[in-house]
Structure formats: C-alpha cells, structure tokens
Amino acid sequence: MKNELVYQLRGSAAGSDIRLKYSKGELTVDSKELLAEGHREWREGDLTVEDTRIGRIITAVVIPITRAGLRTEFSLLLPFSSPEGTSEFTAVAVMANVRMTTTNSPSIPEGHTIYPLVGSASPNPANAG
C-alpha cells in the first residue's frame, strides 16, 4: 500500500523500557512492565483504529473480560504524519481497566495509566516504488 507509514516508539515505565511498532494493521509492544509476557503482537482484526481530529487512536485488548467484569485495554495515540520522509514526534500510550456493562450500556472506566512516548514515522520500505 502506497504512503503507508511505520511508527517506531519508545518510552519507559517504572524504569523498564517500552518499545512499540505500528504499521497499518499490526501493533507490536515490548515491555515487561506493561505486559506479563513481555512481548505481544496484535493484527488488524484484533485492533480498533479510529482517526480523530488529534490523531489516530489504536486500541488492543490486553486482557479480555475477567470474572469481575473488567477488561484491560492498551491504547496508542499517534499524530498524523506526512507520508514523505521521516518525522519525529511525541505520542502517548494508555493502559486502562474498563468495567464492562450490558450490551446496550457504555463501559465504565475504572482506572488508567498514561505513558509518554517519543518516536518517528517513516515510509514503509516494503512499499517503496
């Protein structure tokens, strides 16, 4: 796909490194602080992607609904970037616990942690030409 960008991000949580990579349809997170397993990949069908006025929000479910009715979600807010060249930027990741309610009712946020990130966006070399 032409004009597809690859986002590479980094930050820290409790002294532990956070490394993320996002390219259309795929999110990779490496962090022992955020993920019990330390590494996780989500594909297009497992991600919710929403373009807003302030950027693109990518959300992945980390822990599906528990017996207590909580779900843990990881969201990443990326700024829109030019498809030409490489751009540097700041971004934010949010790990949130959400209480799931009935189908017709909105979910209720129970708590969240915000992680500032820095990174770059560059054209995907696989789509050059």
N, C-alpha and C. Protein backbone atom coordinates (compact mmCIF):
# COMPACT_ATOMS: atom_id res chain seq x y z
N MET A 1 0.84 -1.16 0.00
CA MET A 1 0.00 0.00 0.00
C MET A 1 0.89 1.23 0.00
N LYS A 2 0.69 2.13 -0.93
CA LYS A 2 1.49 3.32 -1.05
C LYS A 2 1.18 4.29 0.09
N ASN A 3 2.16 5.06 0.53
CA ASN A 3 2.04 6.04 1.60
C ASN A 3 1.82 5.42 2.98
N GLU A 4 2.04 4.15 3.13
CA GLU A 4 1.92 3.51 4.43
C GLU A 4 3.13 3.89 5.28
N LEU A 5 2.87 4.25 6.55
CA LEU A 5 3.95 4.65 7.46
C LEU A 5 4.24 3.56 8.47
N VAL A 6 5.48 3.54 8.93
CA VAL A 6 5.90 2.67 10.02
C VAL A 6 6.24 3.59 11.19
N TYR A 7 5.56 3.37 12.31
CA TYR A 7 5.80 4.14 13.52
C TYR A 7 6.67 3.32 14.47
N GLN A 8 7.75 3.90 14.97
CA GLN A 8 8.63 3.27 15.96
C GLN A 8 8.63 4.19 17.17
N LEU A 9 8.27 3.65 18.35
CA LEU A 9 8.15 4.47 19.55
C LEU A 9 8.89 3.84 20.72
N ARG A 10 9.26 4.70 21.69
CA ARG A 10 9.92 4.20 22.88
C ARG A 10 9.55 5.10 24.06
N GLY A 11 9.65 4.52 25.23
CA GLY A 11 9.38 5.24 26.47
C GLY A 11 9.83 4.36 27.62
N SER A 12 9.38 4.70 28.83
CA SER A 12 9.72 3.86 29.97
C SER A 12 8.56 3.85 30.97
N ALA A 13 8.52 2.77 31.75
CA ALA A 13 7.51 2.61 32.80
C ALA A 13 8.20 1.95 33.97
N ALA A 14 8.21 2.62 35.11
CA ALA A 14 8.83 2.08 36.32
C ALA A 14 10.25 1.60 36.07
N GLY A 15 11.01 2.37 35.25
CA GLY A 15 12.39 2.03 34.97
C GLY A 15 12.58 0.96 33.92
N SER A 16 11.50 0.45 33.38
CA SER A 16 11.56 -0.59 32.34
C SER A 16 11.27 0.03 30.98
N ASP A 17 11.99 -0.42 29.96
CA ASP A 17 11.79 0.11 28.62
C ASP A 17 10.45 -0.31 28.03
N ILE A 18 9.87 0.59 27.25
CA ILE A 18 8.69 0.30 26.42
C ILE A 18 9.13 0.52 24.98
N ARG A 19 8.89 -0.44 24.12
CA ARG A 19 9.18 -0.31 22.69
C ARG A 19 7.93 -0.73 21.93
N LEU A 20 7.54 0.10 20.97
CA LEU A 20 6.35 -0.18 20.18
C LEU A 20 6.64 0.02 18.70
N LYS A 21 5.93 -0.72 17.90
CA LYS A 21 5.99 -0.55 16.45
C LYS A 21 4.57 -0.70 15.93
N TYR A 22 4.16 0.25 15.09
CA TYR A 22 2.84 0.17 14.46
C TYR A 22 2.97 0.46 12.98
N SER A 23 2.38 -0.40 12.20
CA SER A 23 2.23 -0.19 10.78
C SER A 23 0.84 -0.71 10.45
N LYS A 24 0.21 -0.13 9.49
CA LYS A 24 -1.20 -0.44 9.21
C LYS A 24 -1.51 -1.92 9.45
N GLY A 25 -2.39 -2.14 10.42
CA GLY A 25 -2.85 -3.49 10.68
C GLY A 25 -2.01 -4.32 11.63
N GLU A 26 -0.93 -3.77 12.18
CA GLU A 26 -0.10 -4.56 13.08
C GLU A 26 0.53 -3.68 14.16
N LEU A 27 0.35 -4.09 15.43
CA LEU A 27 0.93 -3.40 16.57
C LEU A 27 1.77 -4.40 17.36
N THR A 28 3.01 -4.00 17.67
CA THR A 28 3.90 -4.83 18.48
C THR A 28 4.31 -4.02 19.70
N VAL A 29 4.18 -4.63 20.88
CA VAL A 29 4.57 -3.98 22.13
C VAL A 29 5.57 -4.87 22.85
N ASP A 30 6.70 -4.29 23.23
CA ASP A 30 7.71 -4.97 24.04
C ASP A 30 7.86 -4.19 25.33
N SER A 31 7.42 -4.78 26.44
CA SER A 31 7.55 -4.13 27.74
C SER A 31 7.21 -5.12 28.84
N LYS A 32 8.17 -5.37 29.71
CA LYS A 32 7.92 -6.26 30.85
C LYS A 32 7.03 -5.58 31.88
N GLU A 33 7.01 -4.27 31.91
CA GLU A 33 6.17 -3.54 32.86
C GLU A 33 4.70 -3.54 32.42
N LEU A 34 4.44 -3.42 31.13
CA LEU A 34 3.07 -3.34 30.65
C LEU A 34 2.43 -4.70 30.41
N LEU A 35 3.23 -5.67 30.00
CA LEU A 35 2.70 -6.98 29.63
C LEU A 35 3.37 -8.08 30.44
N ALA A 36 2.58 -8.94 31.03
CA ALA A 36 3.14 -10.05 31.83
C ALA A 36 4.09 -10.90 31.00
N GLU A 37 3.74 -11.13 29.73
CA GLU A 37 4.58 -11.94 28.87
C GLU A 37 5.75 -11.16 28.25
N GLY A 38 5.76 -9.83 28.42
CA GLY A 38 6.87 -9.01 27.94
C GLY A 38 6.82 -8.64 26.48
N HIS A 39 6.12 -9.39 25.65
CA HIS A 39 6.05 -9.13 24.20
C HIS A 39 4.68 -9.58 23.70
N ARG A 40 4.09 -8.76 22.84
CA ARG A 40 2.80 -9.15 22.27
C ARG A 40 2.62 -8.47 20.94
N GLU A 41 1.96 -9.19 20.03
CA GLU A 41 1.63 -8.64 18.71
C GLU A 41 0.13 -8.77 18.48
N TRP A 42 -0.44 -7.72 17.91
CA TRP A 42 -1.85 -7.73 17.52
C TRP A 42 -1.92 -7.48 16.03
N ARG A 43 -2.83 -8.15 15.37
CA ARG A 43 -3.05 -7.99 13.93
C ARG A 43 -4.32 -7.18 13.69
N GLU A 44 -4.56 -6.84 12.46
CA GLU A 44 -5.66 -5.96 12.06
C GLU A 44 -7.01 -6.33 12.69
N GLY A 45 -7.38 -7.58 12.69
CA GLY A 45 -8.68 -7.99 13.23
C GLY A 45 -8.79 -7.84 14.74
N ASP A 46 -7.65 -7.70 15.43
CA ASP A 46 -7.64 -7.57 16.89
C ASP A 46 -7.49 -6.12 17.35
N LEU A 47 -7.40 -5.19 16.42
CA LEU A 47 -7.20 -3.78 16.74
C LEU A 47 -8.42 -2.96 16.36
N THR A 48 -8.68 -1.94 17.16
CA THR A 48 -9.66 -0.92 16.79
C THR A 48 -8.86 0.32 16.42
N VAL A 49 -9.07 0.85 15.22
CA VAL A 49 -8.34 2.02 14.76
C VAL A 49 -9.35 3.12 14.45
N GLU A 50 -9.12 4.29 15.07
CA GLU A 50 -10.04 5.40 14.89
C GLU A 50 -9.25 6.66 14.56
N ASP A 51 -9.57 7.28 13.44
CA ASP A 51 -8.96 8.56 13.09
C ASP A 51 -9.79 9.67 13.72
N THR A 52 -9.13 10.54 14.49
CA THR A 52 -9.79 11.66 15.14
C THR A 52 -9.14 12.95 14.67
N ARG A 53 -9.63 14.07 15.16
CA ARG A 53 -9.03 15.36 14.78
C ARG A 53 -7.61 15.50 15.32
N ILE A 54 -7.28 14.81 16.41
CA ILE A 54 -5.96 14.98 17.02
C ILE A 54 -4.98 13.88 16.66
N GLY A 55 -5.42 12.89 15.92
CA GLY A 55 -4.53 11.81 15.51
C GLY A 55 -5.26 10.49 15.40
N ARG A 56 -4.51 9.44 15.29
CA ARG A 56 -5.05 8.09 15.14
C ARG A 56 -4.94 7.37 16.49
N ILE A 57 -6.05 6.78 16.93
CA ILE A 57 -6.07 6.01 18.17
C ILE A 57 -6.17 4.53 17.81
N ILE A 58 -5.19 3.76 18.27
CA ILE A 58 -5.16 2.32 18.04
C ILE A 58 -5.38 1.66 19.40
N THR A 59 -6.38 0.79 19.50
CA THR A 59 -6.69 0.13 20.77
C THR A 59 -6.66 -1.38 20.60
N ALA A 60 -6.04 -2.05 21.57
CA ALA A 60 -5.95 -3.50 21.59
C ALA A 60 -6.38 -3.99 22.97
N VAL A 61 -7.06 -5.13 23.02
CA VAL A 61 -7.45 -5.73 24.29
C VAL A 61 -6.27 -6.56 24.80
N VAL A 62 -5.82 -6.24 26.01
CA VAL A 62 -4.71 -6.96 26.63
C VAL A 62 -5.25 -8.16 27.41
N ILE A 63 -6.27 -7.92 28.23
CA ILE A 63 -6.92 -8.98 29.00
C ILE A 63 -8.41 -8.90 28.71
N PRO A 64 -8.99 -9.95 28.13
CA PRO A 64 -10.44 -9.95 27.90
C PRO A 64 -11.17 -9.88 29.24
N ILE A 65 -12.44 -9.85 29.21
CA ILE A 65 -13.25 -9.69 30.41
C ILE A 65 -12.93 -10.75 31.46
N THR A 66 -12.64 -10.27 32.67
CA THR A 66 -12.37 -11.16 33.81
C THR A 66 -13.69 -11.49 34.51
N ARG A 67 -13.62 -12.36 35.49
CA ARG A 67 -14.83 -12.69 36.27
C ARG A 67 -15.41 -11.47 36.95
N ALA A 68 -14.56 -10.50 37.26
CA ALA A 68 -15.02 -9.27 37.92
C ALA A 68 -15.65 -8.30 36.92
N GLY A 69 -15.68 -8.66 35.64
CA GLY A 69 -16.27 -7.79 34.63
C GLY A 69 -15.35 -6.71 34.13
N LEU A 70 -14.04 -6.83 34.40
CA LEU A 70 -13.05 -5.85 33.94
C LEU A 70 -12.35 -6.34 32.68
N ARG A 71 -12.00 -5.39 31.85
CA ARG A 71 -11.20 -5.68 30.66
C ARG A 71 -10.05 -4.68 30.66
N THR A 72 -8.85 -5.14 30.29
CA THR A 72 -7.70 -4.25 30.20
C THR A 72 -7.43 -3.95 28.73
N GLU A 73 -7.34 -2.66 28.43
CA GLU A 73 -7.11 -2.21 27.05
C GLU A 73 -5.84 -1.38 26.99
N PHE A 74 -5.14 -1.48 25.87
CA PHE A 74 -3.96 -0.68 25.59
C PHE A 74 -4.30 0.21 24.41
N SER A 75 -4.18 1.52 24.60
CA SER A 75 -4.47 2.46 23.51
C SER A 75 -3.24 3.30 23.21
N LEU A 76 -3.06 3.60 21.97
CA LEU A 76 -1.93 4.38 21.49
C LEU A 76 -2.46 5.53 20.65
N LEU A 77 -2.09 6.76 21.01
CA LEU A 77 -2.49 7.94 20.25
C LEU A 77 -1.29 8.41 19.45
N LEU A 78 -1.42 8.30 18.13
CA LEU A 78 -0.35 8.71 17.21
C LEU A 78 -0.76 9.96 16.46
N PRO A 79 0.16 10.92 16.29
CA PRO A 79 -0.16 12.09 15.48
C PRO A 79 -0.18 11.71 14.00
N PHE A 80 -0.92 12.46 13.22
CA PHE A 80 -0.86 12.25 11.77
C PHE A 80 0.49 12.75 11.29
N SER A 81 1.13 12.02 10.40
CA SER A 81 2.46 12.38 9.90
C SER A 81 2.44 12.40 8.39
N SER A 82 3.36 13.15 7.84
CA SER A 82 3.50 13.23 6.39
C SER A 82 4.03 11.90 5.85
N PRO A 83 3.49 11.43 4.73
CA PRO A 83 4.00 10.19 4.14
C PRO A 83 5.35 10.37 3.45
N GLU A 84 5.85 11.59 3.42
CA GLU A 84 7.14 11.88 2.77
C GLU A 84 8.21 12.05 3.83
N GLY A 85 9.28 11.30 3.74
CA GLY A 85 10.39 11.43 4.67
C GLY A 85 10.07 10.89 6.05
N THR A 86 10.96 11.18 7.00
CA THR A 86 10.81 10.72 8.38
C THR A 86 10.47 11.90 9.26
N SER A 87 9.51 11.72 10.17
CA SER A 87 9.16 12.78 11.11
C SER A 87 9.31 12.27 12.54
N GLU A 88 9.79 13.14 13.42
CA GLU A 88 9.93 12.84 14.84
C GLU A 88 8.72 13.43 15.56
N PHE A 89 8.26 12.79 16.64
CA PHE A 89 7.09 13.28 17.35
C PHE A 89 7.02 12.70 18.75
N THR A 90 6.08 13.21 19.54
CA THR A 90 5.74 12.61 20.83
C THR A 90 4.37 11.97 20.68
N ALA A 91 4.13 10.97 21.49
CA ALA A 91 2.86 10.26 21.45
C ALA A 91 2.53 9.83 22.87
N VAL A 92 1.40 9.18 23.04
CA VAL A 92 1.01 8.72 24.36
C VAL A 92 0.36 7.34 24.26
N ALA A 93 0.68 6.51 25.25
CA ALA A 93 0.04 5.20 25.37
C ALA A 93 -0.75 5.21 26.68
N VAL A 94 -1.88 4.52 26.69
CA VAL A 94 -2.73 4.45 27.88
C VAL A 94 -3.10 3.00 28.13
N MET A 95 -2.84 2.53 29.35
CA MET A 95 -3.29 1.21 29.77
C MET A 95 -4.49 1.47 30.67
N ALA A 96 -5.66 0.93 30.30
CA ALA A 96 -6.89 1.24 31.02
C ALA A 96 -7.62 -0.03 31.44
N ASN A 97 -8.21 0.02 32.62
CA ASN A 97 -9.12 -1.02 33.07
C ASN A 97 -10.53 -0.47 32.88
N VAL A 98 -11.37 -1.25 32.23
CA VAL A 98 -12.72 -0.82 31.90
C VAL A 98 -13.70 -1.85 32.43
N ARG A 99 -14.72 -1.38 33.15
CA ARG A 99 -15.77 -2.28 33.63
C ARG A 99 -16.79 -2.41 32.51
N MET A 100 -16.99 -3.64 32.08
CA MET A 100 -17.93 -3.90 31.00
C MET A 100 -19.33 -4.02 31.59
N THR A 101 -20.29 -3.42 30.92
CA THR A 101 -21.67 -3.46 31.38
C THR A 101 -22.50 -4.23 30.35
N THR A 102 -23.79 -4.07 30.42
CA THR A 102 -24.65 -4.77 29.47
C THR A 102 -24.41 -4.28 28.06
N THR A 103 -24.88 -5.02 27.10
CA THR A 103 -24.66 -4.72 25.69
C THR A 103 -25.10 -3.32 25.30
N ASN A 104 -26.19 -2.84 25.84
CA ASN A 104 -26.73 -1.54 25.43
C ASN A 104 -26.22 -0.37 26.27
N SER A 105 -25.37 -0.63 27.24
CA SER A 105 -24.84 0.43 28.11
C SER A 105 -23.36 0.66 27.82
N PRO A 106 -22.91 1.90 28.02
CA PRO A 106 -21.47 2.17 27.80
C PRO A 106 -20.62 1.51 28.88
N SER A 107 -19.38 1.21 28.54
CA SER A 107 -18.46 0.67 29.53
C SER A 107 -18.04 1.80 30.49
N ILE A 108 -17.56 1.43 31.66
CA ILE A 108 -17.21 2.41 32.69
C ILE A 108 -15.71 2.32 32.97
N PRO A 109 -14.97 3.43 32.75
CA PRO A 109 -13.53 3.40 33.06
C PRO A 109 -13.31 3.23 34.56
N GLU A 110 -12.40 2.34 34.93
CA GLU A 110 -12.10 2.07 36.33
C GLU A 110 -10.74 2.63 36.75
N GLY A 111 -9.90 2.93 35.81
CA GLY A 111 -8.57 3.45 36.12
C GLY A 111 -7.67 3.33 34.91
N HIS A 112 -6.64 4.17 34.86
CA HIS A 112 -5.73 4.13 33.72
C HIS A 112 -4.35 4.66 34.12
N THR A 113 -3.37 4.30 33.33
CA THR A 113 -2.01 4.81 33.48
C THR A 113 -1.57 5.32 32.12
N ILE A 114 -0.96 6.50 32.13
CA ILE A 114 -0.53 7.15 30.89
C ILE A 114 0.99 7.05 30.77
N TYR A 115 1.46 6.72 29.57
CA TYR A 115 2.89 6.58 29.30
C TYR A 115 3.29 7.50 28.15
N PRO A 116 4.11 8.54 28.41
CA PRO A 116 4.58 9.38 27.31
C PRO A 116 5.60 8.61 26.47
N LEU A 117 5.56 8.85 25.18
CA LEU A 117 6.44 8.16 24.24
C LEU A 117 7.07 9.16 23.29
N VAL A 118 8.21 8.81 22.73
CA VAL A 118 8.81 9.56 21.63
C VAL A 118 9.05 8.57 20.50
N GLY A 119 9.07 9.09 19.29
CA GLY A 119 9.28 8.16 18.19
C GLY A 119 9.39 8.85 16.86
N SER A 120 9.29 8.03 15.83
CA SER A 120 9.39 8.54 14.47
C SER A 120 8.43 7.77 13.58
N ALA A 121 8.07 8.41 12.49
CA ALA A 121 7.25 7.78 11.46
C ALA A 121 7.99 7.94 10.15
N SER A 122 8.06 6.85 9.40
CA SER A 122 8.75 6.89 8.11
C SER A 122 8.02 5.99 7.13
N PRO A 123 8.20 6.25 5.83
CA PRO A 123 7.55 5.40 4.84
C PRO A 123 7.99 3.96 4.99
N ASN A 124 7.09 3.03 4.76
CA ASN A 124 7.39 1.61 4.81
C ASN A 124 8.26 1.26 3.61
N PRO A 125 9.50 0.78 3.84
CA PRO A 125 10.39 0.45 2.71
C PRO A 125 9.85 -0.67 1.84
N ALA A 126 8.99 -1.51 2.38
CA ALA A 126 8.41 -2.60 1.60
C ALA A 126 7.46 -2.10 0.52
N ASN A 127 7.01 -0.84 0.67
CA ASN A 127 6.04 -0.28 -0.29
C ASN A 127 6.66 0.81 -1.16
N ALA A 128 7.95 0.90 -1.17
CA ALA A 128 8.61 1.93 -1.99
C ALA A 128 8.46 1.61 -3.46
N GLY A 129 8.45 2.67 -4.23
CA GLY A 129 8.42 2.46 -5.67
C GLY A 129 7.14 2.70 -6.20
